N, C-alpha and C. Protein backbone atom coordinates (compact mmCIF):
# COMPACT_ATOMS: atom_id res chain seq x y z
N MET A 1 12.61 35.19 -13.74
CA MET A 1 11.29 35.77 -13.76
C MET A 1 10.41 35.04 -12.75
N GLU A 2 9.78 35.77 -11.89
CA GLU A 2 8.91 35.20 -10.86
C GLU A 2 7.53 34.92 -11.42
N ILE A 3 7.03 33.73 -11.15
CA ILE A 3 5.69 33.37 -11.58
C ILE A 3 4.72 33.94 -10.56
N THR A 4 3.77 34.72 -11.03
CA THR A 4 2.80 35.31 -10.11
C THR A 4 1.48 34.57 -10.23
N SER A 5 0.68 34.71 -9.20
CA SER A 5 -0.61 34.03 -9.17
C SER A 5 -1.55 34.65 -10.18
N PRO A 6 -2.10 33.84 -11.08
CA PRO A 6 -3.05 34.39 -12.04
C PRO A 6 -4.40 34.67 -11.39
N GLN A 7 -5.19 35.41 -12.11
CA GLN A 7 -6.54 35.70 -11.66
C GLN A 7 -7.52 35.16 -12.69
N ASN A 8 -8.69 34.76 -12.23
CA ASN A 8 -9.69 34.26 -13.16
C ASN A 8 -10.39 35.43 -13.84
N HIS A 9 -11.38 35.12 -14.65
CA HIS A 9 -12.05 36.17 -15.44
C HIS A 9 -12.80 37.18 -14.56
N LEU A 10 -12.99 36.88 -13.28
CA LEU A 10 -13.64 37.81 -12.37
C LEU A 10 -12.62 38.63 -11.58
N GLY A 11 -11.34 38.39 -11.83
CA GLY A 11 -10.29 39.12 -11.15
C GLY A 11 -9.93 38.55 -9.78
N CYS A 12 -10.41 37.35 -9.47
CA CYS A 12 -10.12 36.73 -8.18
C CYS A 12 -8.83 35.93 -8.28
N ASP A 13 -8.04 36.01 -7.22
CA ASP A 13 -6.81 35.23 -7.14
C ASP A 13 -7.18 33.76 -7.03
N ILE A 14 -6.70 32.95 -7.96
CA ILE A 14 -7.08 31.54 -7.98
C ILE A 14 -6.03 30.63 -7.36
N SER A 15 -4.97 31.21 -6.81
CA SER A 15 -3.95 30.39 -6.14
C SER A 15 -4.45 29.83 -4.83
N ALA A 16 -5.40 30.50 -4.22
CA ALA A 16 -5.86 30.10 -2.90
C ALA A 16 -6.35 28.66 -2.86
N ASN A 17 -6.93 28.16 -3.93
CA ASN A 17 -7.47 26.81 -3.95
C ASN A 17 -6.66 25.83 -4.80
N LEU A 18 -5.52 26.25 -5.27
CA LEU A 18 -4.72 25.40 -6.15
C LEU A 18 -4.30 24.12 -5.45
N GLY A 19 -3.81 24.21 -4.23
CA GLY A 19 -3.40 23.02 -3.47
C GLY A 19 -4.57 22.07 -3.29
N GLN A 20 -5.75 22.62 -3.04
CA GLN A 20 -6.95 21.79 -2.88
C GLN A 20 -7.30 21.08 -4.19
N ARG A 21 -7.11 21.76 -5.31
CA ARG A 21 -7.40 21.11 -6.61
C ARG A 21 -6.42 19.97 -6.88
N VAL A 22 -5.16 20.16 -6.55
CA VAL A 22 -4.18 19.09 -6.74
C VAL A 22 -4.51 17.92 -5.82
N LYS A 23 -4.90 18.20 -4.59
CA LYS A 23 -5.32 17.13 -3.67
C LYS A 23 -6.55 16.39 -4.22
N LYS A 24 -7.46 17.14 -4.83
CA LYS A 24 -8.68 16.53 -5.40
C LYS A 24 -8.30 15.59 -6.54
N ILE A 25 -7.31 15.96 -7.34
CA ILE A 25 -6.84 15.07 -8.41
C ILE A 25 -6.34 13.77 -7.79
N CYS A 26 -5.52 13.89 -6.76
CA CYS A 26 -4.98 12.69 -6.11
C CYS A 26 -6.11 11.78 -5.63
N SER A 27 -7.09 12.35 -4.94
CA SER A 27 -8.16 11.52 -4.42
C SER A 27 -9.03 10.96 -5.54
N SER A 28 -9.22 11.71 -6.61
CA SER A 28 -10.07 11.25 -7.72
C SER A 28 -9.46 10.08 -8.48
N ILE A 29 -8.14 10.05 -8.56
CA ILE A 29 -7.49 8.96 -9.30
C ILE A 29 -6.82 7.97 -8.34
N ARG A 30 -7.15 8.10 -7.05
CA ARG A 30 -6.65 7.19 -6.00
C ARG A 30 -5.12 7.11 -6.01
N LEU A 31 -4.53 8.29 -5.97
CA LEU A 31 -3.08 8.42 -5.96
C LEU A 31 -2.72 9.19 -4.70
N SER A 32 -1.77 8.67 -3.94
CA SER A 32 -1.39 9.39 -2.72
C SER A 32 -0.55 10.61 -3.09
N GLU A 33 -0.55 11.56 -2.19
CA GLU A 33 0.27 12.76 -2.41
C GLU A 33 1.75 12.38 -2.46
N THR A 34 2.13 11.37 -1.69
CA THR A 34 3.52 10.89 -1.71
C THR A 34 3.87 10.34 -3.08
N GLU A 35 2.96 9.57 -3.67
CA GLU A 35 3.21 9.00 -5.00
C GLU A 35 3.31 10.10 -6.06
N LEU A 36 2.45 11.12 -5.95
CA LEU A 36 2.51 12.22 -6.92
C LEU A 36 3.81 12.99 -6.75
N ALA A 37 4.22 13.26 -5.51
CA ALA A 37 5.48 13.97 -5.27
C ALA A 37 6.65 13.20 -5.90
N LYS A 38 6.65 11.89 -5.72
CA LYS A 38 7.72 11.06 -6.29
C LYS A 38 7.70 11.14 -7.81
N ALA A 39 6.51 11.07 -8.41
CA ALA A 39 6.40 11.15 -9.86
C ALA A 39 6.84 12.51 -10.38
N LEU A 40 6.64 13.54 -9.57
CA LEU A 40 7.06 14.90 -9.97
C LEU A 40 8.54 15.14 -9.70
N GLY A 41 9.17 14.22 -8.98
CA GLY A 41 10.61 14.33 -8.72
C GLY A 41 10.96 15.31 -7.61
N ILE A 42 10.04 15.49 -6.65
CA ILE A 42 10.35 16.37 -5.53
C ILE A 42 10.10 15.64 -4.22
N LYS A 43 10.70 16.16 -3.16
CA LYS A 43 10.55 15.55 -1.84
C LYS A 43 9.11 15.70 -1.36
N GLN A 44 8.64 14.70 -0.61
CA GLN A 44 7.29 14.74 -0.07
C GLN A 44 7.11 15.96 0.82
N SER A 45 8.08 16.28 1.65
CA SER A 45 7.95 17.42 2.57
C SER A 45 7.81 18.73 1.80
N THR A 46 8.57 18.87 0.71
CA THR A 46 8.47 20.07 -0.12
C THR A 46 7.11 20.14 -0.79
N PHE A 47 6.67 19.02 -1.34
CA PHE A 47 5.38 18.97 -2.02
C PHE A 47 4.24 19.27 -1.04
N ASN A 48 4.34 18.72 0.17
CA ASN A 48 3.33 18.97 1.19
C ASN A 48 3.25 20.46 1.52
N LYS A 49 4.41 21.10 1.58
CA LYS A 49 4.44 22.55 1.84
C LYS A 49 3.75 23.29 0.70
N TYR A 50 4.04 22.89 -0.53
CA TYR A 50 3.41 23.52 -1.69
C TYR A 50 1.89 23.38 -1.63
N LEU A 51 1.42 22.20 -1.23
CA LEU A 51 -0.02 21.94 -1.21
C LEU A 51 -0.75 22.68 -0.09
N ASN A 52 -0.11 22.79 1.05
CA ASN A 52 -0.80 23.31 2.23
C ASN A 52 -0.58 24.78 2.52
N GLU A 53 0.34 25.39 1.82
CA GLU A 53 0.56 26.82 1.99
C GLU A 53 0.25 27.50 0.67
N ARG A 54 -0.05 28.74 0.75
CA ARG A 54 -0.30 29.48 -0.49
C ARG A 54 1.06 29.74 -1.12
N CYS A 55 1.44 28.84 -2.00
CA CYS A 55 2.81 28.82 -2.53
C CYS A 55 2.77 28.87 -4.05
N ASP A 56 3.36 29.91 -4.60
CA ASP A 56 3.36 30.07 -6.06
C ASP A 56 4.22 29.03 -6.76
N LYS A 57 5.08 28.34 -6.01
CA LYS A 57 5.94 27.32 -6.63
C LYS A 57 5.13 26.13 -7.15
N LEU A 58 3.94 25.91 -6.61
CA LEU A 58 3.08 24.83 -7.08
C LEU A 58 2.70 25.04 -8.55
N TRP A 59 2.62 26.28 -8.97
CA TRP A 59 2.26 26.58 -10.37
C TRP A 59 3.25 25.95 -11.35
N ARG A 60 4.51 25.91 -10.96
CA ARG A 60 5.55 25.35 -11.83
C ARG A 60 5.37 23.86 -12.08
N LEU A 61 4.65 23.19 -11.18
CA LEU A 61 4.46 21.74 -11.29
C LEU A 61 3.24 21.37 -12.13
N LEU A 62 2.38 22.32 -12.41
CA LEU A 62 1.14 22.00 -13.12
C LEU A 62 1.35 21.37 -14.49
N PRO A 63 2.27 21.87 -15.33
CA PRO A 63 2.46 21.20 -16.63
C PRO A 63 2.87 19.74 -16.48
N LYS A 64 3.70 19.43 -15.50
CA LYS A 64 4.12 18.04 -15.27
C LYS A 64 2.95 17.19 -14.78
N ILE A 65 2.09 17.76 -13.93
CA ILE A 65 0.91 17.04 -13.46
C ILE A 65 0.02 16.70 -14.65
N LEU A 66 -0.17 17.65 -15.54
CA LEU A 66 -0.99 17.40 -16.73
C LEU A 66 -0.34 16.37 -17.64
N GLU A 67 0.97 16.40 -17.72
CA GLU A 67 1.69 15.40 -18.54
C GLU A 67 1.51 14.00 -17.96
N LEU A 68 1.59 13.90 -16.63
CA LEU A 68 1.43 12.61 -15.96
C LEU A 68 -0.01 12.12 -16.00
N HIS A 69 -0.96 13.05 -16.01
CA HIS A 69 -2.39 12.71 -15.96
C HIS A 69 -3.15 13.52 -17.01
N PRO A 70 -3.03 13.11 -18.27
CA PRO A 70 -3.61 13.89 -19.36
C PRO A 70 -5.13 13.97 -19.36
N SER A 71 -5.79 13.14 -18.58
CA SER A 71 -7.26 13.22 -18.53
C SER A 71 -7.74 14.39 -17.68
N VAL A 72 -6.84 15.00 -16.90
CA VAL A 72 -7.22 16.14 -16.07
C VAL A 72 -7.36 17.37 -16.97
N SER A 73 -8.42 18.11 -16.75
CA SER A 73 -8.68 19.33 -17.52
C SER A 73 -7.71 20.43 -17.11
N ARG A 74 -7.06 21.02 -18.09
CA ARG A 74 -6.13 22.12 -17.84
C ARG A 74 -6.87 23.30 -17.21
N GLU A 75 -8.04 23.62 -17.73
CA GLU A 75 -8.80 24.76 -17.22
C GLU A 75 -9.20 24.55 -15.75
N TRP A 76 -9.57 23.33 -15.44
CA TRP A 76 -9.95 23.06 -14.07
C TRP A 76 -8.73 23.15 -13.15
N LEU A 77 -7.62 22.55 -13.56
CA LEU A 77 -6.42 22.54 -12.72
C LEU A 77 -5.89 23.96 -12.52
N TYR A 78 -5.76 24.72 -13.60
CA TYR A 78 -5.18 26.06 -13.50
C TYR A 78 -6.16 27.08 -12.90
N PHE A 79 -7.41 27.02 -13.29
CA PHE A 79 -8.35 28.09 -12.95
C PHE A 79 -9.54 27.67 -12.10
N GLY A 80 -9.72 26.36 -11.89
CA GLY A 80 -10.85 25.90 -11.10
C GLY A 80 -12.17 25.99 -11.85
N GLU A 81 -12.11 26.03 -13.17
CA GLU A 81 -13.31 26.18 -13.98
C GLU A 81 -13.58 24.91 -14.78
N GLY A 82 -14.84 24.55 -14.91
CA GLY A 82 -15.22 23.37 -15.69
C GLY A 82 -15.13 22.11 -14.85
N GLU A 83 -15.02 20.99 -15.55
CA GLU A 83 -14.97 19.68 -14.92
C GLU A 83 -13.52 19.27 -14.69
N ILE A 84 -13.30 18.43 -13.69
CA ILE A 84 -11.94 17.97 -13.36
C ILE A 84 -11.32 17.15 -14.49
N PHE A 85 -12.14 16.33 -15.16
CA PHE A 85 -11.63 15.50 -16.25
C PHE A 85 -12.17 16.00 -17.58
N GLN A 86 -11.36 15.87 -18.59
CA GLN A 86 -11.75 16.31 -19.92
C GLN A 86 -11.93 15.15 -20.87
N ASN A 87 -12.83 15.28 -21.79
CA ASN A 87 -13.01 14.34 -22.90
C ASN A 87 -13.06 12.87 -22.49
N ILE A 88 -13.58 12.60 -21.33
CA ILE A 88 -13.77 11.20 -20.94
C ILE A 88 -15.15 11.07 -20.33
N THR A 89 -15.67 9.92 -20.38
CA THR A 89 -17.00 9.70 -19.82
C THR A 89 -16.89 9.28 -18.37
N ALA A 90 -18.00 9.35 -17.68
CA ALA A 90 -18.03 8.90 -16.29
C ALA A 90 -17.69 7.42 -16.20
N LYS A 91 -18.04 6.66 -17.25
CA LYS A 91 -17.74 5.24 -17.25
C LYS A 91 -16.23 5.00 -17.21
N THR A 92 -15.47 5.81 -17.94
CA THR A 92 -14.01 5.66 -17.95
C THR A 92 -13.45 5.92 -16.55
N VAL A 93 -13.92 6.98 -15.90
CA VAL A 93 -13.44 7.30 -14.56
C VAL A 93 -13.80 6.15 -13.61
N THR A 94 -15.02 5.64 -13.74
CA THR A 94 -15.45 4.52 -12.90
C THR A 94 -14.58 3.30 -13.15
N ASN A 95 -14.26 3.01 -14.42
CA ASN A 95 -13.41 1.87 -14.74
C ASN A 95 -12.01 2.05 -14.15
N GLU A 96 -11.49 3.27 -14.25
CA GLU A 96 -10.16 3.52 -13.68
C GLU A 96 -10.18 3.32 -12.17
N ALA A 97 -11.24 3.82 -11.53
CA ALA A 97 -11.35 3.66 -10.08
C ALA A 97 -11.49 2.18 -9.72
N ALA A 98 -12.26 1.44 -10.51
CA ALA A 98 -12.44 0.01 -10.25
C ALA A 98 -11.11 -0.73 -10.42
N LEU A 99 -10.37 -0.39 -11.46
CA LEU A 99 -9.07 -1.03 -11.66
C LEU A 99 -8.11 -0.70 -10.52
N SER A 100 -8.14 0.53 -10.09
CA SER A 100 -7.29 0.93 -8.97
C SER A 100 -7.66 0.14 -7.72
N HIS A 101 -8.95 -0.01 -7.48
CA HIS A 101 -9.41 -0.78 -6.32
C HIS A 101 -8.99 -2.25 -6.43
N LEU A 102 -9.13 -2.83 -7.62
CA LEU A 102 -8.71 -4.22 -7.82
C LEU A 102 -7.22 -4.39 -7.62
N PHE A 103 -6.45 -3.42 -8.08
CA PHE A 103 -5.00 -3.48 -7.90
C PHE A 103 -4.65 -3.46 -6.41
N MET A 104 -5.34 -2.61 -5.64
CA MET A 104 -5.09 -2.56 -4.20
C MET A 104 -5.45 -3.89 -3.56
N GLN A 105 -6.56 -4.51 -3.99
CA GLN A 105 -6.94 -5.82 -3.46
C GLN A 105 -5.89 -6.87 -3.81
N LEU A 106 -5.38 -6.81 -5.03
CA LEU A 106 -4.34 -7.75 -5.46
C LEU A 106 -3.08 -7.58 -4.60
N GLN A 107 -2.71 -6.35 -4.32
CA GLN A 107 -1.55 -6.11 -3.46
C GLN A 107 -1.79 -6.71 -2.07
N ASN A 108 -2.99 -6.53 -1.53
CA ASN A 108 -3.30 -7.08 -0.21
C ASN A 108 -3.24 -8.61 -0.23
N CYS A 109 -3.74 -9.23 -1.31
CA CYS A 109 -3.67 -10.69 -1.44
C CYS A 109 -2.22 -11.15 -1.49
N PHE A 110 -1.40 -10.44 -2.22
CA PHE A 110 0.01 -10.80 -2.32
C PHE A 110 0.68 -10.73 -0.95
N ILE A 111 0.38 -9.70 -0.20
CA ILE A 111 0.94 -9.56 1.15
C ILE A 111 0.48 -10.73 2.03
N GLN A 112 -0.81 -11.10 1.91
CA GLN A 112 -1.33 -12.21 2.70
C GLN A 112 -0.63 -13.52 2.31
N ILE A 113 -0.40 -13.72 1.02
CA ILE A 113 0.30 -14.92 0.56
C ILE A 113 1.72 -14.95 1.11
N GLN A 114 2.39 -13.80 1.11
CA GLN A 114 3.74 -13.74 1.67
C GLN A 114 3.72 -14.11 3.15
N ASN A 115 2.74 -13.57 3.89
CA ASN A 115 2.64 -13.88 5.32
C ASN A 115 2.34 -15.36 5.53
N ASP A 116 1.44 -15.94 4.73
CA ASP A 116 1.14 -17.37 4.83
C ASP A 116 2.37 -18.20 4.54
N PHE A 117 3.14 -17.81 3.53
CA PHE A 117 4.35 -18.54 3.18
C PHE A 117 5.35 -18.50 4.33
N ARG A 118 5.50 -17.35 4.97
CA ARG A 118 6.41 -17.25 6.12
C ARG A 118 5.96 -18.16 7.26
N ARG A 119 4.63 -18.20 7.50
CA ARG A 119 4.11 -19.09 8.55
C ARG A 119 4.39 -20.55 8.20
N ILE A 120 4.20 -20.92 6.95
CA ILE A 120 4.48 -22.29 6.52
C ILE A 120 5.96 -22.61 6.70
N GLU A 121 6.84 -21.69 6.31
CA GLU A 121 8.27 -21.91 6.51
C GLU A 121 8.59 -22.11 7.99
N ASN A 122 7.97 -21.30 8.85
CA ASN A 122 8.19 -21.45 10.29
C ASN A 122 7.68 -22.80 10.78
N ASP A 123 6.52 -23.23 10.29
CA ASP A 123 5.97 -24.53 10.68
C ASP A 123 6.90 -25.67 10.26
N VAL A 124 7.42 -25.60 9.05
CA VAL A 124 8.34 -26.63 8.56
C VAL A 124 9.60 -26.65 9.42
N THR A 125 10.12 -25.50 9.77
CA THR A 125 11.29 -25.42 10.62
C THR A 125 11.00 -26.04 11.99
N CYS A 126 9.82 -25.76 12.53
CA CYS A 126 9.42 -26.35 13.83
C CYS A 126 9.33 -27.86 13.72
N ILE A 127 8.69 -28.34 12.67
CA ILE A 127 8.53 -29.78 12.48
C ILE A 127 9.91 -30.45 12.35
N LYS A 128 10.80 -29.85 11.59
CA LYS A 128 12.15 -30.41 11.44
C LYS A 128 12.86 -30.46 12.78
N GLY A 129 12.72 -29.38 13.57
CA GLY A 129 13.37 -29.34 14.88
C GLY A 129 12.83 -30.40 15.81
N ILE A 130 11.53 -30.58 15.80
CA ILE A 130 10.90 -31.61 16.65
C ILE A 130 11.37 -33.00 16.21
N ALA A 131 11.35 -33.23 14.89
CA ALA A 131 11.75 -34.55 14.37
C ALA A 131 13.22 -34.82 14.70
N GLU A 132 14.09 -33.84 14.50
CA GLU A 132 15.51 -34.04 14.79
C GLU A 132 15.72 -34.32 16.28
N LYS A 133 14.99 -33.58 17.12
CA LYS A 133 15.14 -33.77 18.57
C LYS A 133 14.70 -35.17 18.98
N HIS A 134 13.55 -35.61 18.47
CA HIS A 134 13.02 -36.91 18.87
C HIS A 134 13.75 -38.07 18.22
N PHE A 135 14.10 -37.95 16.98
CA PHE A 135 14.75 -39.07 16.29
C PHE A 135 16.23 -39.18 16.61
N SER A 136 16.84 -38.10 17.06
CA SER A 136 18.26 -38.17 17.41
C SER A 136 18.48 -38.88 18.74
N SER A 137 17.42 -39.03 19.53
CA SER A 137 17.55 -39.72 20.82
C SER A 137 17.71 -41.22 20.63
N GLY A 138 17.34 -41.75 19.47
CA GLY A 138 17.50 -43.17 19.17
C GLY A 138 16.45 -44.05 19.81
N ALA A 139 15.47 -43.48 20.44
CA ALA A 139 14.44 -44.26 21.12
C ALA A 139 13.23 -44.42 20.21
N HIS A 140 13.40 -45.13 19.12
CA HIS A 140 12.31 -45.31 18.16
C HIS A 140 11.49 -46.55 18.50
N HIS A 141 10.22 -46.44 18.33
CA HIS A 141 9.29 -47.53 18.55
C HIS A 141 8.92 -48.10 17.19
N PRO A 142 8.70 -49.41 17.04
CA PRO A 142 8.38 -50.00 15.74
C PRO A 142 7.16 -49.40 15.07
N SER A 143 6.26 -48.83 15.85
CA SER A 143 5.05 -48.26 15.25
C SER A 143 5.33 -46.91 14.61
N GLY A 144 6.55 -46.42 14.70
CA GLY A 144 6.88 -45.12 14.15
C GLY A 144 6.84 -44.02 15.19
N HIS A 145 6.42 -44.37 16.42
CA HIS A 145 6.38 -43.40 17.50
C HIS A 145 7.59 -43.60 18.38
N LEU A 146 7.91 -42.59 19.12
CA LEU A 146 9.00 -42.73 20.07
C LEU A 146 8.51 -43.58 21.23
N ALA A 147 9.42 -44.29 21.85
CA ALA A 147 9.05 -45.16 22.97
C ALA A 147 8.39 -44.32 24.06
N GLY A 148 7.14 -44.63 24.36
CA GLY A 148 6.41 -43.97 25.43
C GLY A 148 5.88 -42.59 25.06
N GLN A 149 6.12 -42.11 23.86
CA GLN A 149 5.65 -40.77 23.47
C GLN A 149 5.08 -40.82 22.06
N GLU A 150 4.16 -39.92 21.81
CA GLU A 150 3.67 -39.76 20.45
C GLU A 150 4.22 -38.45 19.90
N LEU A 151 4.39 -38.41 18.61
CA LEU A 151 4.82 -37.15 17.99
C LEU A 151 3.70 -36.13 18.12
N PRO A 152 4.03 -34.87 18.28
CA PRO A 152 3.00 -33.85 18.40
C PRO A 152 2.17 -33.77 17.11
N THR A 153 0.93 -33.38 17.26
CA THR A 153 0.06 -33.25 16.09
C THR A 153 0.41 -31.98 15.34
N LEU A 154 -0.09 -31.89 14.11
CA LEU A 154 0.13 -30.69 13.30
C LEU A 154 -0.48 -29.48 14.01
N HIS A 155 -1.63 -29.71 14.70
CA HIS A 155 -2.26 -28.62 15.45
C HIS A 155 -1.29 -28.07 16.49
N ALA A 156 -0.56 -28.94 17.12
CA ALA A 156 0.38 -28.49 18.15
C ALA A 156 1.46 -27.63 17.53
N VAL A 157 1.90 -27.97 16.34
CA VAL A 157 2.93 -27.18 15.67
C VAL A 157 2.38 -25.81 15.31
N HIS A 158 1.11 -25.76 14.89
CA HIS A 158 0.50 -24.48 14.50
C HIS A 158 0.25 -23.56 15.68
N THR A 159 0.28 -24.06 16.89
CA THR A 159 0.02 -23.21 18.04
C THR A 159 1.30 -22.66 18.65
N ARG A 160 2.37 -22.74 17.93
CA ARG A 160 3.61 -22.15 18.40
C ARG A 160 3.52 -20.64 18.26
N ASN A 161 4.22 -19.94 19.14
CA ASN A 161 4.20 -18.49 19.05
C ASN A 161 5.23 -18.02 18.04
N SER A 162 5.35 -16.69 17.86
CA SER A 162 6.21 -16.15 16.81
C SER A 162 7.69 -16.46 17.03
N SER A 163 8.11 -16.77 18.26
CA SER A 163 9.52 -17.09 18.48
C SER A 163 9.80 -18.59 18.31
N GLY A 164 8.75 -19.35 17.94
CA GLY A 164 8.94 -20.77 17.70
C GLY A 164 8.74 -21.64 18.92
N ASN A 165 8.41 -21.04 20.07
CA ASN A 165 8.18 -21.80 21.28
C ASN A 165 6.73 -22.26 21.34
N ALA A 166 6.51 -23.37 22.01
CA ALA A 166 5.15 -23.87 22.14
C ALA A 166 4.32 -22.86 22.91
N ALA A 167 3.11 -22.67 22.46
CA ALA A 167 2.19 -21.76 23.16
C ALA A 167 1.84 -22.39 24.50
N PRO A 168 1.69 -21.58 25.56
CA PRO A 168 1.42 -22.12 26.89
C PRO A 168 0.16 -22.96 26.96
N SER A 169 -0.81 -22.70 26.08
CA SER A 169 -2.07 -23.45 26.14
C SER A 169 -1.99 -24.81 25.45
N ASP A 170 -0.83 -25.19 24.93
CA ASP A 170 -0.68 -26.45 24.21
C ASP A 170 -0.01 -27.48 25.11
N PRO A 171 -0.78 -28.35 25.77
CA PRO A 171 -0.20 -29.31 26.71
C PRO A 171 0.68 -30.37 26.04
N SER A 172 0.50 -30.65 24.77
CA SER A 172 1.29 -31.71 24.13
C SER A 172 2.73 -31.32 23.91
N LEU A 173 3.05 -30.02 23.95
CA LEU A 173 4.43 -29.61 23.71
C LEU A 173 5.11 -29.05 24.95
N LYS A 174 4.48 -29.18 26.11
CA LYS A 174 5.08 -28.66 27.36
C LYS A 174 6.16 -29.58 27.86
């Protein structure tokens, strides 16, 4: 049985804006279309086609969208009537948006920590390489420095480029 586009109480075809309503849900709850497609169990390319073309197949996904996001009003999703969210206050929507924003900030902090950790690992590797190179020569000075040379400063190690080579502007490591 083919699902046909329903009409609202005025007899207007309401499929024309269905993709826009689903997109509005995504933006309202800060969910990407890719994430919604994955949650619905369909390919992003297929879902994108459903959203951007007047496609009756999108109707089949509406019950699952409501199951995944029960705060969305059925009447608004199916017919474009009423408010997007049902039985919740604006404060709840604001709290959900704030939590979503905090979660995104937390993800960004985690990524920054990972990047900092990688830089620290690279610095430690550089320091080990410098120490092994200088101490393996056997030319140690009683003061802890190599004869006629000083060990590079930590600043010099931090100015290494991504391949581990001394940056050209660092005269102490040339």
